Amino acid sequence: MMLTKLTVAGAAVALAGHGAAAGVTLVAAVAVGGGPNADLDSGGKIGVLMVSALTYGIAQLVLLGVCIATQRRLGPLSTQGLVAGWLLGFAASLFYLCGGHGA
């Protein structure tokens, strides 16, 4: 029973972190001129891409630190959930951020 609770807690932390990382990335992209109806020339697209990639990378590093701290706090039994949640969240957020959310 304890294994299940810690695994679920680890997965919840990792998935919530990915949601926050994607949200921060989208806010940063819109703040520098991106957005659904933005008219970007080639230079503007590169600027938005660079800010988005940098923001997402920093958010992933912060999430990695949170996962390590959570694993230390909850114990080694949470590692399975943290790894599974991180992988699932990473795949889902990349799918969304790369335009896989709509046709």
C-alpha atoms as a PDB file:
ATOM      1  CA  MET A   1       0.000   0.000   0.000  1.00  0.00           C
ATOM      2  CA  MET A   2       2.841   2.406   0.849  1.00  0.00           C
ATOM      3  CA  LEU A   3       4.534   1.755  -2.497  1.00  0.00           C
ATOM      4  CA  THR A   4       1.390   2.742  -4.386  1.00  0.00           C
ATOM      5  CA  LYS A   5       0.884   6.015  -2.494  1.00  0.00           C
ATOM      6  CA  LEU A   6       4.494   7.084  -2.922  1.00  0.00           C
ATOM      7  CA  THR A   7       4.533   6.129  -6.594  1.00  0.00           C
ATOM      8  CA  VAL A   8       1.353   8.108  -7.238  1.00  0.00           C
ATOM      9  CA  ALA A   9       2.695  11.059  -5.230  1.00  0.00           C
ATOM     10  CA  GLY A  10       5.897  11.037  -7.278  1.00  0.00           C
ATOM     11  CA  ALA A  11       3.991  10.892 -10.555  1.00  0.00           C
ATOM     12  CA  ALA A  12       1.717  13.737  -9.452  1.00  0.00           C
ATOM     13  CA  VAL A  13       4.700  15.946  -8.601  1.00  0.00           C
ATOM     14  CA  ALA A  14       6.363  15.256 -11.952  1.00  0.00           C
ATOM     15  CA  LEU A  15       3.189  15.792 -13.988  1.00  0.00           C
ATOM     16  CA  ALA A  16       2.350  19.017 -12.157  1.00  0.00           C
ATOM     17  CA  GLY A  17       5.890  20.217 -12.811  1.00  0.00           C
ATOM     18  CA  HIS A  18       5.497  19.600 -16.532  1.00  0.00           C
ATOM     19  CA  GLY A  19       2.255  21.537 -16.546  1.00  0.00           C
ATOM     20  CA  ALA A  20       4.014  24.443 -14.871  1.00  0.00           C
ATOM     21  CA  ALA A  21       6.967  24.215 -17.290  1.00  0.00           C
ATOM     22  CA  ALA A  22       4.676  24.265 -20.331  1.00  0.00           C
ATOM     23  CA  GLY A  23       2.648  27.134 -18.870  1.00  0.00           C
ATOM     24  CA  VAL A  24       5.724  29.258 -18.139  1.00  0.00           C
ATOM     25  CA  THR A  25       7.062  28.550 -21.630  1.00  0.00           C
ATOM     26  CA  LEU A  26       3.812  29.614 -23.287  1.00  0.00           C
ATOM     27  CA  VAL A  27       3.621  32.793 -21.196  1.00  0.00           C
ATOM     28  CA  ALA A  28       7.217  33.660 -22.116  1.00  0.00           C
ATOM     29  CA  ALA A  29       6.564  33.012 -25.811  1.00  0.00           C
ATOM     30  CA  VAL A  30       3.489  35.271 -25.831  1.00  0.00           C
ATOM     31  CA  ALA A  31       5.367  37.941 -23.859  1.00  0.00           C
ATOM     32  CA  VAL A  32       8.043  38.239 -26.573  1.00  0.00           C
ATOM     33  CA  GLY A  33       5.519  38.509 -29.375  1.00  0.00           C
ATOM     34  CA  GLY A  34       4.365  34.967 -30.048  1.00  0.00           C
ATOM     35  CA  GLY A  35       0.813  33.769 -29.833  1.00  0.00           C
ATOM     36  CA  PRO A  36      -1.887  32.183 -31.928  1.00  0.00           C
ATOM     37  CA  ASN A  37      -2.536  35.218 -34.158  1.00  0.00           C
ATOM     38  CA  ALA A  38       0.940  36.771 -34.159  1.00  0.00           C
ATOM     39  CA  ASP A  39       2.315  37.970 -37.469  1.00  0.00           C
ATOM     40  CA  LEU A  40       5.956  37.002 -37.129  1.00  0.00           C
ATOM     41  CA  ASP A  41       8.617  37.572 -39.728  1.00  0.00           C
ATOM     42  CA  SER A  42      11.529  35.133 -39.849  1.00  0.00           C
ATOM     43  CA  GLY A  43      13.521  37.097 -37.252  1.00  0.00           C
ATOM     44  CA  GLY A  44      10.537  37.184 -34.889  1.00  0.00           C
ATOM     45  CA  LYS A  45      10.056  33.440 -35.162  1.00  0.00           C
ATOM     46  CA  ILE A  46      13.682  32.817 -34.229  1.00  0.00           C
ATOM     47  CA  GLY A  47      13.379  35.172 -31.252  1.00  0.00           C
ATOM     48  CA  VAL A  48      10.258  33.465 -29.942  1.00  0.00           C
ATOM     49  CA  LEU A  49      11.806  30.031 -30.520  1.00  0.00           C
ATOM     50  CA  MET A  50      14.993  30.950 -28.655  1.00  0.00           C
ATOM     51  CA  VAL A  51      13.128  32.420 -25.673  1.00  0.00           C
ATOM     52  CA  SER A  52      10.784  29.431 -25.593  1.00  0.00           C
ATOM     53  CA  ALA A  53      13.587  26.879 -25.784  1.00  0.00           C
ATOM     54  CA  LEU A  54      15.606  28.665 -23.097  1.00  0.00           C
ATOM     55  CA  THR A  55      12.583  29.007 -20.803  1.00  0.00           C
ATOM     56  CA  TYR A  56      11.568  25.379 -21.296  1.00  0.00           C
ATOM     57  CA  GLY A  57      15.128  24.174 -20.639  1.00  0.00           C
ATOM     58  CA  ILE A  58      15.377  26.185 -17.425  1.00  0.00           C
ATOM     59  CA  ALA A  59      11.947  24.948 -16.325  1.00  0.00           C
ATOM     60  CA  GLN A  60      13.040  21.343 -16.943  1.00  0.00           C
ATOM     61  CA  LEU A  61      16.186  21.864 -14.850  1.00  0.00           C
ATOM     62  CA  VAL A  62      14.069  23.298 -12.028  1.00  0.00           C
ATOM     63  CA  LEU A  63      11.706  20.329 -12.357  1.00  0.00           C
ATOM     64  CA  LEU A  64      14.661  17.949 -12.170  1.00  0.00           C
ATOM     65  CA  GLY A  65      15.732  19.611  -8.930  1.00  0.00           C
ATOM     66  CA  VAL A  66      12.204  19.351  -7.544  1.00  0.00           C
ATOM     67  CA  CYS A  67      12.055  15.656  -8.478  1.00  0.00           C
ATOM     68  CA  ILE A  68      15.387  14.980  -6.757  1.00  0.00           C
ATOM     69  CA  ALA A  69      14.276  16.885  -3.645  1.00  0.00           C
ATOM     70  CA  THR A  70      10.931  15.050  -3.656  1.00  0.00           C
ATOM     71  CA  GLN A  71      12.660  11.693  -4.004  1.00  0.00           C
ATOM     72  CA  ARG A  72      14.852  12.518  -1.024  1.00  0.00           C
ATOM     73  CA  ARG A  73      11.846  13.685   0.993  1.00  0.00           C
ATOM     74  CA  LEU A  74       9.485  10.828   0.107  1.00  0.00           C
ATOM     75  CA  GLY A  75      12.153   8.159  -0.090  1.00  0.00           C
ATOM     76  CA  PRO A  76      13.363   5.787  -2.768  1.00  0.00           C
ATOM     77  CA  LEU A  77       9.911   4.246  -3.251  1.00  0.00           C
ATOM     78  CA  SER A  78       8.732   7.430  -4.986  1.00  0.00           C
ATOM     79  CA  THR A  79      11.381   7.108  -7.711  1.00  0.00           C
ATOM     80  CA  GLN A  80       9.215   4.922  -9.964  1.00  0.00           C
ATOM     81  CA  GLY A  81       6.421   7.488  -9.954  1.00  0.00           C
ATOM     82  CA  LEU A  82       8.789  10.403 -10.465  1.00  0.00           C
ATOM     83  CA  VAL A  83      10.457   8.757 -13.453  1.00  0.00           C
ATOM     84  CA  ALA A  84       7.177   7.592 -14.993  1.00  0.00           C
ATOM     85  CA  GLY A  85       5.500  10.963 -14.406  1.00  0.00           C
ATOM     86  CA  TRP A  86       8.467  12.858 -15.787  1.00  0.00           C
ATOM     87  CA  LEU A  87       8.628  10.725 -18.952  1.00  0.00           C
ATOM     88  CA  LEU A  88       4.879  10.903 -19.554  1.00  0.00           C
ATOM     89  CA  GLY A  89       4.774  14.633 -18.864  1.00  0.00           C
ATOM     90  CA  PHE A  90       7.813  15.321 -21.045  1.00  0.00           C
ATOM     91  CA  ALA A  91       6.295  13.443 -23.981  1.00  0.00           C
ATOM     92  CA  ALA A  92       2.911  15.137 -23.546  1.00  0.00           C
ATOM     93  CA  SER A  93       4.358  18.642 -23.164  1.00  0.00           C
ATOM     94  CA  LEU A  94       6.634  18.253 -26.186  1.00  0.00           C
ATOM     95  CA  PHE A  95       3.693  16.953 -28.199  1.00  0.00           C
ATOM     96  CA  TYR A  96       1.655  19.995 -27.174  1.00  0.00           C
ATOM     97  CA  LEU A  97       4.431  22.550 -27.575  1.00  0.00           C
ATOM     98  CA  CYS A  98       5.385  21.192 -31.008  1.00  0.00           C
ATOM     99  CA  GLY A  99       1.883  21.739 -32.339  1.00  0.00           C
ATOM    100  CA  GLY A 100       0.409  18.257 -31.951  1.00  0.00           C
ATOM    101  CA  HIS A 101      -2.654  19.595 -30.129  1.00  0.00           C
ATOM    102  CA  GLY A 102      -4.677  20.592 -33.177  1.00  0.00           C
ATOM    103  CA  ALA A 103      -5.083  19.944 -36.850  1.00  0.00           C
END
